[in-house]
Amino acid sequence: MAAASPSTPAPDGWFRDVLVFTWDNRTLHGHRKIIEYLEKNLESAKITNVVLDETPALCPSPFTLPFGQGVEFSFRFETPIAFARGLARLLPTSPTEMKALSVFVMMEDLKRHEESKAETGLYGGHTITWNEVLAERRSKVENDPQVVIIGGGQSGLHAARFKMMNISALIVEKNQRIGDNWRKRYPSLTLHTPKCYSNTLYQPFPSNFPLFIPRDKLADWLEHYAKAQDLVVWTNSHVLPKATYDSQERRWTVQIDRDGTKVIVRPKHVVVATGVHGYPYIPIVPHLENFRGEVLHTSQFSGGQRFAGAGNSSADIFTMIQRSKTCVVSARHLTSVFAQLYPDDCPVEISDFRRAATPFGMMRAMARATADQALAADKEMLEGLRNAGFQHSYAEDGSGPGILYALRGGGYWLDVGCAELIASGKVALRQGVEPVSFTEMGVVFNDGSELQADAVIFATGYTSWKDGMKDIFDPGVIESTKEIWGLDEENEMCGVFRPTGYPAFWYAAGDLADSRFSSKRLALHIKAEELGLKDG
């Protein structure tokens, strides 16, 4: 790291730090900001034992990006408290000189508290059964959990990482079964990201699983995952108002309705893993009570069969109201992108590391630079949509769906067939109008037109996540936390898997890949606090 001299970063380079120099995620862009950050933090970090990483998939290799061609390499190093690793991408600036386009460093493990490996499976000199071991471990977690996780979806279940870092965690899930948060959605739902990207931690999907995993198959897999990973989950349970934090004892008091029985636990940390949204939002439209048909939110949509007839004309009874421009990317194109990011011959943890080594700001610049190629790949689909009157946008700045996901968690769709239905007219389209009133038979729009309907389904998003949490925690607690989701001024993800602004209160959210990778960062935060490493 001594080589990080004032001449090393490229003028427009990036430096990303995850828990090496500070207890947060930081991204610096531009020569001046990078040098200032390193001058402030490099000496106090006391970095030693810098060596080239000889992991096969991370050996020095050439790369080609929109910014040019260069060489990337990975390295390992230590601080007084941690083992760490990094990845650098160098671009030639002259025949004899290279500068850093990007440098990424992250804490990998705390010394003497490293992530555990697989056990032998032999206990008590082969005199204690696995069921006895499991029962004892479960009892300890249930009686005195270090962490209570609210929500048993993918982010909550990646508490499998906590278990391997000797952090006891109790997962509280409101549904009857793990996976019900998927089972209760519409029947034809699939993951819109391919399985190579969406693998679960420690336990990847079987090789013969579908490329895009169907709703019920994923739900069953998550239920199996919780059991196979020996996670302690209370289903049909929910946290009661109002969880409180004692700053002197550094413990929460959490009341839980455990399948009808009130239980009090006193964890040191609470992790909210209920998703990035609050309650379903349906706008107030006058005279809705006069409408004779059915009104529901997409979260309540259980499939279109009950709205469709049996004749040939039933295919064109659906009308989409497009209020603003939307980004659409085909599953075919998306699959090719993820195949490059997560190749089959590379361990998923290495692909995660390489992805994390590309800061969002750099991703954004790369996406803008390659927008024309991405649009050309979906030319036929997009032309069909435009001919049907659909208004398409590749995000306001041309950065595409990846940045829209990070900024808003929406504003796009990954197409698995709807675009063809719109292009063919099987799904009708009304563009640029807003509902202003209901009649007995349908909806009146702001252009004066009226559309008769048997049902109106609002795909209008959700309220803030804070609305739902104020029912569990004191509003002052929630208001003191940072916003979650979106990108901050350094293009780091807001609020999730990082300090929230309130002690011992954490937020975990994102897709399977986000929670798989970032569960380690959250576990490091919690472990460091338990060891007193943040107090100095």
Protein backbone atom coordinates (compact mmCIF):
# COMPACT_ATOMS: atom_id res chain seq x y z
CA MET A 1 0.00 0.00 0.00
CA ALA A 2 3.02 2.24 0.24
CA ALA A 3 2.77 2.46 -3.54
CA ALA A 4 -0.37 4.60 -3.12
CA SER A 5 1.60 7.75 -3.85
CA PRO A 6 0.01 11.00 -5.12
CA SER A 7 0.76 9.94 -8.69
CA THR A 8 -0.89 6.51 -8.48
CA PRO A 9 -4.68 7.12 -8.99
CA ALA A 10 -5.86 8.07 -12.44
CA PRO A 11 -7.35 11.60 -12.63
CA ASP A 12 -10.84 10.12 -13.00
CA GLY A 13 -10.22 7.01 -10.89
CA TRP A 14 -12.25 5.36 -8.12
CA PHE A 15 -11.27 4.09 -4.68
CA ARG A 16 -13.73 1.95 -2.70
CA ASP A 17 -13.16 1.04 0.94
CA VAL A 18 -15.37 -1.43 2.84
CA LEU A 19 -14.42 -1.54 6.55
CA VAL A 20 -10.64 -1.24 6.14
CA PHE A 21 -9.99 2.45 6.87
CA THR A 22 -13.34 3.28 8.53
CA TRP A 23 -16.32 1.37 9.94
CA ASP A 24 -18.42 2.17 6.90
CA ASN A 25 -18.52 1.86 3.13
CA ARG A 26 -16.82 4.70 1.27
CA THR A 27 -16.27 5.47 -2.38
CA LEU A 28 -13.98 8.28 -3.50
CA HIS A 29 -13.96 9.48 -7.09
CA GLY A 30 -11.24 11.60 -8.60
CA HIS A 31 -7.57 12.04 -7.89
CA ARG A 32 -7.88 14.78 -5.26
CA LYS A 33 -10.53 13.07 -3.12
CA ILE A 34 -8.67 9.74 -3.21
CA ILE A 35 -5.36 11.25 -2.16
CA GLU A 36 -7.00 13.25 0.64
CA TYR A 37 -8.70 10.10 1.94
CA LEU A 38 -5.50 8.06 1.87
CA GLU A 39 -3.44 10.82 3.48
CA LYS A 40 -5.97 10.98 6.31
CA ASN A 41 -6.37 7.24 6.89
CA LEU A 42 -3.53 5.21 5.42
CA GLU A 43 -0.96 5.64 8.20
CA SER A 44 -3.41 4.91 11.04
CA ALA A 45 -4.62 1.73 9.30
CA LYS A 46 -1.14 0.18 9.84
CA ILE A 47 -1.33 -2.03 6.77
CA THR A 48 1.22 -4.86 6.59
CA ASN A 49 1.95 -8.08 4.71
CA VAL A 50 0.74 -6.96 1.31
CA VAL A 51 1.02 -9.89 -1.11
CA LEU A 52 -0.32 -10.78 -4.51
CA ASP A 53 -3.44 -12.95 -4.33
CA GLU A 54 -2.67 -16.23 -6.07
CA THR A 55 -6.29 -17.44 -6.17
CA PRO A 56 -6.62 -18.84 -9.73
CA ALA A 57 -9.60 -16.68 -10.72
CA LEU A 58 -7.88 -13.55 -9.36
CA CYS A 59 -4.40 -13.83 -10.84
CA PRO A 60 -3.21 -10.80 -12.85
CA SER A 61 -5.14 -10.68 -16.11
CA PRO A 62 -6.03 -8.25 -18.89
CA PHE A 63 -9.40 -6.47 -18.92
CA THR A 64 -11.33 -4.42 -21.44
CA LEU A 65 -13.72 -1.72 -20.27
CA PRO A 66 -15.24 1.33 -21.99
CA PHE A 67 -12.38 3.33 -20.46
CA GLY A 68 -9.73 1.23 -22.18
CA GLN A 69 -7.67 -1.93 -21.82
CA GLY A 70 -5.49 -2.67 -18.85
CA VAL A 71 -4.43 -5.17 -16.21
CA GLU A 72 -6.24 -6.14 -13.02
CA PHE A 73 -4.93 -8.05 -10.04
CA SER A 74 -6.00 -8.98 -6.54
CA PHE A 75 -3.95 -8.67 -3.39
CA ARG A 76 -4.17 -9.59 0.29
CA PHE A 77 -2.99 -7.63 3.31
CA GLU A 78 -3.45 -7.26 7.06
CA THR A 79 -4.28 -4.60 9.61
CA PRO A 80 -3.75 -5.02 13.37
CA ILE A 81 -7.30 -6.39 13.74
CA ALA A 82 -8.18 -7.90 10.39
CA PHE A 83 -7.29 -9.87 7.31
CA ALA A 84 -8.25 -8.01 4.14
CA ARG A 85 -8.08 -8.20 0.39
CA GLY A 86 -8.33 -5.88 -2.56
CA LEU A 87 -8.52 -5.61 -6.31
CA ALA A 88 -6.88 -3.01 -8.54
CA ARG A 89 -7.42 -2.18 -12.20
CA LEU A 90 -4.56 -0.37 -13.92
CA LEU A 91 -4.66 1.53 -17.21
CA PRO A 92 -1.56 2.50 -19.21
CA THR A 93 -1.06 6.27 -19.39
CA SER A 94 2.19 6.07 -21.34
CA PRO A 95 4.45 3.33 -22.69
CA THR A 96 6.20 3.19 -19.30
CA GLU A 97 3.53 4.14 -16.77
CA MET A 98 0.20 2.79 -15.51
CA LYS A 99 -2.31 4.44 -13.19
CA ALA A 100 -5.16 3.00 -11.13
CA LEU A 101 -8.57 3.22 -12.75
CA SER A 102 -10.04 1.65 -9.61
CA VAL A 103 -8.85 0.21 -6.30
CA PHE A 104 -11.08 -1.76 -3.98
CA VAL A 105 -10.21 -2.86 -0.45
CA MET A 106 -12.40 -4.76 2.01
CA MET A 107 -12.13 -6.42 5.39
CA GLU A 108 -12.45 -10.17 5.00
CA ASP A 109 -12.15 -11.48 8.58
CA LEU A 110 -11.40 -10.27 12.08
CA LYS A 111 -8.26 -11.89 13.45
CA ARG A 112 -8.94 -14.79 15.83
CA HIS A 113 -12.63 -14.58 14.93
CA GLU A 114 -12.58 -15.83 11.35
CA GLU A 115 -15.61 -17.29 9.61
CA SER A 116 -15.83 -20.99 10.48
CA LYS A 117 -15.45 -23.86 8.06
CA ALA A 118 -17.44 -27.11 7.93
CA GLU A 119 -17.49 -29.23 11.09
CA THR A 120 -16.35 -32.85 11.17
CA GLY A 121 -19.80 -34.08 12.21
CA LEU A 122 -18.29 -36.00 15.12
CA TYR A 123 -19.32 -34.80 18.58
CA GLY A 124 -18.21 -35.83 22.07
CA GLY A 125 -15.84 -38.46 20.78
CA HIS A 126 -18.65 -39.83 18.63
CA THR A 127 -20.88 -40.29 21.72
CA ILE A 128 -23.30 -37.39 21.17
CA THR A 129 -25.93 -37.54 18.42
CA TRP A 130 -26.54 -34.78 15.92
CA ASN A 131 -30.09 -34.30 17.21
CA GLU A 132 -28.71 -33.68 20.72
CA VAL A 133 -26.21 -31.15 19.40
CA LEU A 134 -28.89 -29.38 17.37
CA ALA A 135 -31.36 -29.25 20.26
CA GLU A 136 -28.76 -27.76 22.62
CA ARG A 137 -27.70 -25.13 20.09
CA ARG A 138 -31.29 -24.19 19.34
CA SER A 139 -32.11 -23.84 23.05
CA LYS A 140 -29.18 -21.47 23.57
CA VAL A 141 -30.26 -19.27 20.68
CA GLU A 142 -33.90 -19.17 21.72
CA ASN A 143 -33.09 -18.34 25.34
CA ASP A 144 -30.45 -15.67 24.71
CA PRO A 145 -30.02 -14.59 21.08
CA GLN A 146 -27.37 -12.03 20.29
CA VAL A 147 -29.41 -10.88 17.31
CA VAL A 148 -33.13 -10.86 16.53
CA ILE A 149 -33.83 -10.75 12.79
CA ILE A 150 -37.28 -9.54 11.79
CA GLY A 151 -38.21 -11.26 8.54
CA GLY A 152 -37.42 -14.68 7.10
CA GLY A 153 -36.97 -13.82 3.44
CA GLN A 154 -33.69 -14.08 1.57
CA SER A 155 -31.99 -11.31 3.57
CA GLY A 156 -33.07 -12.79 6.90
CA LEU A 157 -32.09 -16.33 5.94
CA HIS A 158 -28.58 -15.29 5.08
CA ALA A 159 -28.12 -15.24 8.85
CA ALA A 160 -26.50 -18.54 7.95
CA ARG A 161 -23.43 -16.30 7.77
CA PHE A 162 -23.95 -15.19 11.38
CA LYS A 163 -24.00 -18.80 12.54
CA MET A 164 -20.64 -19.48 10.92
CA MET A 165 -19.20 -16.41 12.65
CA ASN A 166 -20.41 -17.50 16.08
CA ILE A 167 -23.18 -14.90 16.26
CA SER A 168 -26.41 -16.42 17.54
CA ALA A 169 -29.47 -15.20 15.65
CA LEU A 170 -33.20 -15.78 16.06
CA ILE A 171 -35.30 -15.20 12.93
CA VAL A 172 -38.90 -14.06 13.45
CA GLU A 173 -41.17 -14.73 10.44
CA LYS A 174 -44.83 -13.69 10.37
CA ASN A 175 -45.93 -16.31 7.82
CA GLN A 176 -46.82 -19.91 8.56
CA ARG A 177 -43.88 -21.23 6.54
CA ILE A 178 -40.56 -19.96 5.28
CA GLY A 179 -41.10 -19.15 1.60
CA ASP A 180 -44.69 -17.96 2.03
CA ASN A 181 -43.64 -14.43 1.12
CA TRP A 182 -43.05 -15.93 -2.36
CA ARG A 183 -45.95 -18.40 -2.37
CA LYS A 184 -48.43 -15.57 -1.76
CA ARG A 185 -47.43 -13.72 -4.90
CA TYR A 186 -48.88 -14.31 -8.36
CA PRO A 187 -48.57 -17.91 -9.61
CA SER A 188 -46.49 -17.34 -12.74
CA LEU A 189 -43.80 -15.35 -10.91
CA THR A 190 -40.18 -16.37 -11.40
CA LEU A 191 -36.90 -14.87 -10.32
CA HIS A 192 -36.02 -12.26 -12.94
CA THR A 193 -32.31 -12.81 -12.44
CA PRO A 194 -30.64 -16.07 -13.49
CA LYS A 195 -29.66 -18.67 -10.93
CA CYS A 196 -25.91 -18.12 -11.45
CA TYR A 197 -26.37 -14.69 -9.87
CA SER A 198 -29.02 -15.64 -7.31
CA ASN A 199 -27.43 -18.62 -5.55
CA THR A 200 -27.94 -18.96 -1.81
CA LEU A 201 -24.96 -18.70 0.53
CA TYR A 202 -23.01 -21.95 1.16
CA GLN A 203 -25.67 -23.91 -0.70
CA PRO A 204 -25.98 -23.10 -4.42
CA PHE A 205 -28.99 -24.14 -6.44
CA PRO A 206 -28.77 -27.61 -8.02
CA SER A 207 -27.31 -27.51 -11.52
CA ASN A 208 -30.53 -28.88 -13.01
CA PHE A 209 -32.71 -26.07 -11.59
CA PRO A 210 -34.36 -23.81 -14.19
CA LEU A 211 -32.41 -20.76 -15.32
CA PHE A 212 -35.13 -18.49 -13.91
CA ILE A 213 -36.46 -20.23 -10.81
CA PRO A 214 -40.27 -20.35 -10.48
CA ARG A 215 -42.05 -18.93 -7.47
CA ASP A 216 -43.00 -22.15 -5.70
CA LYS A 217 -39.70 -23.85 -6.43
CA LEU A 218 -37.84 -20.93 -4.89
CA ALA A 219 -40.20 -20.86 -1.89
CA ASP A 220 -39.62 -24.55 -1.23
CA TRP A 221 -35.88 -24.10 -1.65
CA LEU A 222 -35.79 -21.29 0.94
CA GLU A 223 -37.76 -23.45 3.37
CA HIS A 224 -35.31 -26.30 2.79
CA TYR A 225 -32.38 -23.89 3.11
CA ALA A 226 -33.45 -22.73 6.56
CA LYS A 227 -33.60 -26.31 7.75
CA ALA A 228 -30.39 -27.45 6.05
CA GLN A 229 -28.47 -24.50 7.49
CA ASP A 230 -29.83 -25.19 11.01
CA LEU A 231 -31.30 -21.71 11.33
CA VAL A 232 -33.45 -20.95 14.35
CA VAL A 233 -36.72 -19.62 12.94
CA TRP A 234 -39.99 -18.84 14.71
CA THR A 235 -42.73 -18.91 12.08
CA ASN A 236 -46.28 -17.62 12.52
CA SER A 237 -44.67 -15.07 14.83
CA HIS A 238 -44.25 -11.32 14.90
CA VAL A 239 -42.62 -8.61 16.99
CA LEU A 240 -45.07 -6.69 19.16
CA PRO A 241 -45.00 -2.93 19.80
CA LYS A 242 -42.79 -1.37 21.09
CA ALA A 243 -39.25 -2.75 21.04
CA THR A 244 -36.95 -0.58 23.16
CA TYR A 245 -33.17 -0.18 23.49
CA ASP A 246 -31.29 0.32 26.78
CA SER A 247 -28.13 2.24 25.93
CA GLN A 248 -26.57 1.49 29.32
CA GLU A 249 -26.98 -2.27 29.11
CA ARG A 250 -26.62 -2.23 25.32
CA ARG A 251 -29.57 -4.55 24.93
CA TRP A 252 -32.96 -4.46 23.31
CA THR A 253 -36.17 -5.60 24.93
CA VAL A 254 -38.25 -7.29 22.25
CA GLN A 255 -41.69 -8.81 22.81
CA ILE A 256 -42.64 -11.50 20.32
CA ASP A 257 -45.97 -13.15 19.65
CA ARG A 258 -44.66 -16.67 19.06
CA ASP A 259 -47.54 -18.51 17.45
CA GLY A 260 -49.96 -17.07 20.02
CA THR A 261 -47.64 -17.05 23.05
CA LYS A 262 -45.96 -13.85 24.25
CA VAL A 263 -42.20 -14.21 24.66
CA ILE A 264 -39.66 -11.56 25.72
CA VAL A 265 -36.06 -11.70 24.49
CA ARG A 266 -33.17 -9.29 25.13
CA PRO A 267 -30.84 -9.35 22.13
CA LYS A 268 -27.88 -7.04 21.70
CA HIS A 269 -28.80 -6.25 18.10
CA VAL A 270 -31.93 -6.06 15.95
CA VAL A 271 -31.80 -6.58 12.19
CA VAL A 272 -34.83 -5.57 10.14
CA ALA A 273 -35.05 -7.78 7.04
CA THR A 274 -38.60 -7.11 5.87
CA GLY A 275 -37.79 -5.63 2.47
CA VAL A 276 -37.33 -2.07 1.26
CA HIS A 277 -41.02 -1.16 1.22
CA GLY A 278 -43.75 -0.29 3.69
CA TYR A 279 -47.44 -0.78 3.00
CA PRO A 280 -49.02 -1.19 -0.47
CA TYR A 281 -49.90 2.25 -1.83
CA ILE A 282 -53.17 2.90 -3.64
CA PRO A 283 -53.72 6.56 -4.58
CA ILE A 284 -56.95 8.26 -3.59
CA VAL A 285 -59.16 8.49 -6.69
CA PRO A 286 -62.58 10.11 -6.27
CA HIS A 287 -65.73 7.97 -6.37
CA LEU A 288 -63.89 4.67 -6.03
CA GLU A 289 -66.75 3.47 -3.83
CA ASN A 290 -69.10 3.71 -6.85
CA PHE A 291 -67.12 1.21 -8.91
CA ARG A 292 -68.87 -2.15 -9.16
CA GLY A 293 -65.75 -4.07 -10.08
CA GLU A 294 -62.79 -5.18 -8.02
CA VAL A 295 -59.96 -2.87 -6.95
CA LEU A 296 -56.68 -4.30 -5.70
CA HIS A 297 -52.95 -3.65 -5.43
CA THR A 298 -50.44 -5.78 -7.31
CA SER A 299 -49.34 -7.24 -3.98
CA GLN A 300 -52.82 -8.81 -3.78
CA PHE A 301 -52.82 -10.08 -7.37
CA SER A 302 -53.13 -13.86 -7.39
CA GLY A 303 -53.19 -14.43 -11.14
CA GLY A 304 -55.26 -13.34 -14.10
CA GLN A 305 -57.33 -16.48 -14.56
CA ARG A 306 -60.32 -15.23 -12.61
CA PHE A 307 -60.49 -12.10 -14.75
CA ALA A 308 -60.23 -13.93 -18.11
CA GLY A 309 -62.90 -15.73 -20.10
CA ALA A 310 -62.46 -18.88 -22.14
CA GLY A 311 -62.98 -17.48 -25.66
CA ASN A 312 -60.44 -16.17 -28.14
CA SER A 313 -61.24 -12.59 -27.20
CA SER A 314 -60.17 -13.17 -23.57
CA ALA A 315 -56.51 -12.63 -24.48
CA ASP A 316 -57.01 -8.92 -25.19
CA ILE A 317 -59.05 -7.87 -22.18
CA PHE A 318 -56.04 -6.53 -20.25
CA THR A 319 -55.10 -2.85 -20.56
CA MET A 320 -51.90 -1.36 -19.17
CA ILE A 321 -51.93 2.30 -18.14
CA GLN A 322 -48.41 3.66 -18.59
CA ARG A 323 -48.10 6.91 -16.66
CA SER A 324 -44.41 7.60 -17.36
CA LYS A 325 -41.47 6.23 -19.33
CA THR A 326 -40.18 2.81 -18.28
CA CYS A 327 -36.94 0.91 -18.84
CA VAL A 328 -37.38 -2.60 -20.30
CA VAL A 329 -34.60 -5.14 -20.76
CA SER A 330 -35.10 -8.64 -22.16
CA ALA A 331 -34.34 -11.72 -20.10
CA ARG A 332 -32.23 -12.94 -23.03
CA HIS A 333 -29.94 -9.90 -22.90
CA LEU A 334 -29.88 -9.93 -19.11
CA THR A 335 -28.80 -13.57 -19.10
CA SER A 336 -25.82 -12.80 -21.34
CA VAL A 337 -24.76 -9.96 -19.03
CA PHE A 338 -24.95 -12.09 -15.88
CA ALA A 339 -23.15 -14.97 -17.60
CA GLN A 340 -20.16 -12.65 -17.97
CA LEU A 341 -20.38 -11.43 -14.36
CA TYR A 342 -21.02 -14.88 -12.87
CA PRO A 343 -19.44 -17.50 -15.18
CA ASP A 344 -20.07 -21.14 -14.34
CA ASP A 345 -16.37 -21.90 -13.97
CA CYS A 346 -15.79 -19.24 -11.29
CA PRO A 347 -16.76 -19.63 -7.61
CA VAL A 348 -19.67 -17.36 -6.75
CA GLU A 349 -17.77 -15.73 -3.87
CA ILE A 350 -15.06 -14.64 -6.33
CA SER A 351 -17.68 -13.20 -8.69
CA ASP A 352 -19.26 -11.38 -5.74
CA PHE A 353 -15.86 -9.94 -4.83
CA ARG A 354 -15.19 -8.74 -8.37
CA ARG A 355 -18.66 -7.19 -8.59
CA ALA A 356 -18.11 -5.35 -5.29
CA ALA A 357 -14.80 -4.07 -6.67
CA THR A 358 -16.71 -2.03 -9.24
CA PRO A 359 -18.23 0.98 -7.41
CA PHE A 360 -21.73 2.08 -8.40
CA GLY A 361 -20.36 5.32 -9.81
CA MET A 362 -18.04 3.37 -12.06
CA MET A 363 -20.89 1.00 -13.02
CA ARG A 364 -22.97 4.02 -13.93
CA ALA A 365 -20.27 5.45 -16.19
CA MET A 366 -19.77 2.04 -17.83
CA ALA A 367 -23.52 1.62 -18.39
CA ARG A 368 -23.82 5.03 -20.02
CA ALA A 369 -20.85 4.28 -22.26
CA THR A 370 -22.36 0.97 -23.42
CA ALA A 371 -26.03 2.03 -23.57
CA ASP A 372 -26.12 1.94 -27.38
CA GLN A 373 -24.95 -1.69 -27.45
CA ALA A 374 -27.49 -2.69 -24.80
CA LEU A 375 -30.34 -1.02 -26.69
CA ALA A 376 -29.19 -2.61 -29.94
CA ALA A 377 -29.30 -6.05 -28.31
CA ASP A 378 -33.02 -5.54 -27.64
CA LYS A 379 -33.76 -3.62 -30.84
CA GLU A 380 -36.58 -5.86 -32.06
CA MET A 381 -38.35 -5.95 -28.69
CA LEU A 382 -38.06 -2.20 -28.20
CA GLU A 383 -39.30 -1.43 -31.70
CA GLY A 384 -42.36 -3.58 -31.04
CA LEU A 385 -43.06 -1.68 -27.84
CA ARG A 386 -42.59 1.73 -29.48
CA ASN A 387 -44.89 0.76 -32.35
CA ALA A 388 -47.56 -0.07 -29.78
CA GLY A 389 -47.15 3.39 -28.22
CA PHE A 390 -45.04 2.35 -25.25
CA GLN A 391 -42.69 5.07 -23.95
CA HIS A 392 -39.27 3.58 -23.22
CA SER A 393 -36.38 5.09 -21.31
CA TYR A 394 -32.96 3.64 -20.50
CA ALA A 395 -33.03 5.70 -17.26
CA GLU A 396 -32.77 9.48 -17.36
CA ASP A 397 -29.00 9.49 -17.81
CA GLY A 398 -28.83 6.36 -19.96
CA SER A 399 -27.44 4.18 -17.18
CA GLY A 400 -30.06 1.42 -17.50
CA PRO A 401 -31.76 -0.99 -15.10
CA GLY A 402 -28.81 -1.75 -12.82
CA ILE A 403 -28.61 1.83 -11.59
CA LEU A 404 -32.42 2.16 -11.47
CA TYR A 405 -32.40 -0.87 -9.18
CA ALA A 406 -29.86 0.79 -6.90
CA LEU A 407 -31.55 4.19 -6.97
CA ARG A 408 -35.23 3.27 -6.75
CA GLY A 409 -35.65 -0.49 -6.64
CA GLY A 410 -37.97 0.03 -9.61
CA GLY A 411 -38.67 2.06 -12.75
CA TYR A 412 -37.85 -0.89 -15.00
CA TRP A 413 -38.92 -4.39 -15.83
CA LEU A 414 -36.94 -7.43 -16.93
CA ASP A 415 -39.05 -8.84 -19.71
CA VAL A 416 -40.01 -12.49 -19.85
CA GLY A 417 -42.92 -12.16 -22.29
CA CYS A 418 -45.07 -9.12 -21.58
CA ALA A 419 -43.36 -6.97 -24.22
CA GLU A 420 -44.51 -9.37 -26.96
CA LEU A 421 -48.07 -9.26 -25.60
CA ILE A 422 -48.04 -5.46 -25.80
CA ALA A 423 -46.44 -5.42 -29.25
CA SER A 424 -49.02 -7.90 -30.57
CA GLY A 425 -51.92 -5.98 -29.05
CA LYS A 426 -52.93 -8.83 -26.74
CA VAL A 427 -52.32 -6.39 -23.90
CA ALA A 428 -53.78 -2.99 -24.77
CA LEU A 429 -51.90 0.17 -23.83
CA ARG A 430 -52.94 3.64 -22.71
CA GLN A 431 -50.00 5.98 -22.32
CA GLY A 432 -49.50 9.25 -20.45
CA VAL A 433 -52.86 9.40 -18.67
CA GLU A 434 -53.85 9.38 -15.00
CA PRO A 435 -57.09 8.13 -13.43
CA VAL A 436 -59.07 11.05 -11.99
CA SER A 437 -62.39 9.42 -11.14
CA PHE A 438 -64.27 6.13 -10.99
CA THR A 439 -67.69 5.44 -12.43
CA GLU A 440 -69.87 2.42 -11.79
CA MET A 441 -68.43 0.71 -14.86
CA GLY A 442 -64.87 1.92 -15.08
CA VAL A 443 -62.28 4.71 -14.85
CA VAL A 444 -62.20 8.28 -16.15
CA PHE A 445 -58.80 9.69 -17.12
CA ASN A 446 -57.41 13.21 -17.09
CA ASP A 447 -57.81 13.51 -20.87
CA GLY A 448 -61.58 13.04 -20.49
CA SER A 449 -61.64 9.46 -21.83
CA GLU A 450 -63.26 6.58 -19.98
CA LEU A 451 -62.33 2.90 -19.88
CA GLN A 452 -64.80 0.26 -18.77
CA ALA A 453 -63.32 -2.45 -16.57
CA ASP A 454 -64.23 -5.43 -14.42
CA ALA A 455 -61.18 -4.91 -12.22
CA VAL A 456 -58.54 -2.23 -11.62
CA ILE A 457 -55.12 -3.34 -10.39
CA PHE A 458 -52.86 -0.61 -9.02
CA ALA A 459 -49.14 -1.14 -9.70
CA THR A 460 -48.35 2.03 -7.79
CA GLY A 461 -45.67 0.87 -5.39
CA TYR A 462 -45.46 1.08 -1.64
CA THR A 463 -45.17 3.60 1.16
CA SER A 464 -41.87 4.18 2.94
CA TRP A 465 -40.42 1.27 4.90
CA LYS A 466 -40.51 3.57 7.92
CA ASP A 467 -44.31 3.44 8.01
CA GLY A 468 -44.29 -0.26 8.79
CA MET A 469 -41.46 -0.05 11.32
CA LYS A 470 -43.17 2.68 13.38
CA ASP A 471 -45.69 0.04 14.43
CA ILE A 472 -42.87 -1.98 16.03
CA PHE A 473 -40.38 0.65 17.21
CA ASP A 474 -40.83 4.09 18.72
CA PRO A 475 -41.21 6.61 15.88
CA GLY A 476 -38.23 8.51 17.29
CA VAL A 477 -36.02 5.46 16.76
CA ILE A 478 -37.08 5.10 13.15
CA GLU A 479 -36.84 8.81 12.36
CA SER A 480 -33.29 8.89 13.72
CA THR A 481 -32.17 6.26 11.22
CA LYS A 482 -30.86 7.02 7.78
CA GLU A 483 -32.93 6.41 4.69
CA ILE A 484 -32.52 2.99 3.18
CA TRP A 485 -32.02 2.17 -0.44
CA GLY A 486 -30.92 4.59 -3.11
CA LEU A 487 -27.39 5.91 -3.48
CA ASP A 488 -25.74 8.47 -1.23
CA GLU A 489 -23.46 11.32 -2.30
CA GLU A 490 -20.58 8.84 -2.75
CA ASN A 491 -22.72 6.39 -4.73
CA GLU A 492 -22.83 3.89 -1.87
CA MET A 493 -26.10 2.09 -1.08
CA CYS A 494 -27.99 3.97 1.62
CA GLY A 495 -28.70 2.39 4.97
CA VAL A 496 -28.50 -1.33 4.22
CA PHE A 497 -25.83 -3.61 5.74
CA ARG A 498 -24.11 -0.54 7.22
CA PRO A 499 -24.63 1.75 10.24
CA THR A 500 -28.15 3.19 10.30
CA GLY A 501 -27.60 6.05 12.74
CA TYR A 502 -29.21 4.24 15.69
CA PRO A 503 -27.14 1.92 17.91
CA ALA A 504 -27.46 -1.84 17.45
CA PHE A 505 -30.17 -1.36 14.82
CA TRP A 506 -29.44 -2.69 11.35
CA TYR A 507 -31.23 -3.02 8.06
CA ALA A 508 -30.74 -5.91 5.61
CA ALA A 509 -32.38 -5.72 2.20
CA GLY A 510 -31.76 -6.52 -1.43
CA ASP A 511 -31.85 -9.43 -3.81
CA LEU A 512 -30.27 -12.81 -3.16
CA ALA A 513 -26.84 -11.70 -4.38
CA ASP A 514 -26.88 -8.51 -2.31
CA SER A 515 -27.73 -10.33 0.90
CA ARG A 516 -25.37 -13.22 0.16
CA PHE A 517 -22.35 -10.92 -0.13
CA SER A 518 -23.30 -8.17 2.33
CA SER A 519 -24.29 -10.56 5.12
CA LYS A 520 -20.55 -10.90 5.78
CA ARG A 521 -20.11 -7.13 6.10
CA LEU A 522 -23.04 -6.93 8.54
CA ALA A 523 -21.67 -9.85 10.55
CA LEU A 524 -18.28 -8.10 10.76
CA HIS A 525 -19.98 -4.96 12.07
CA ILE A 526 -21.82 -6.90 14.78
CA LYS A 527 -18.82 -9.01 15.73
CA ALA A 528 -16.60 -5.92 15.97
CA GLU A 529 -19.10 -4.21 18.27
CA GLU A 530 -19.34 -7.30 20.47
CA LEU A 531 -15.53 -7.36 20.74
CA GLY A 532 -15.35 -3.64 21.56
CA LEU A 533 -13.25 -2.91 18.48
CA LYS A 534 -15.33 0.13 17.55
CA ASP A 535 -15.03 1.78 20.96
CA GLY A 536 -11.51 3.07 20.45
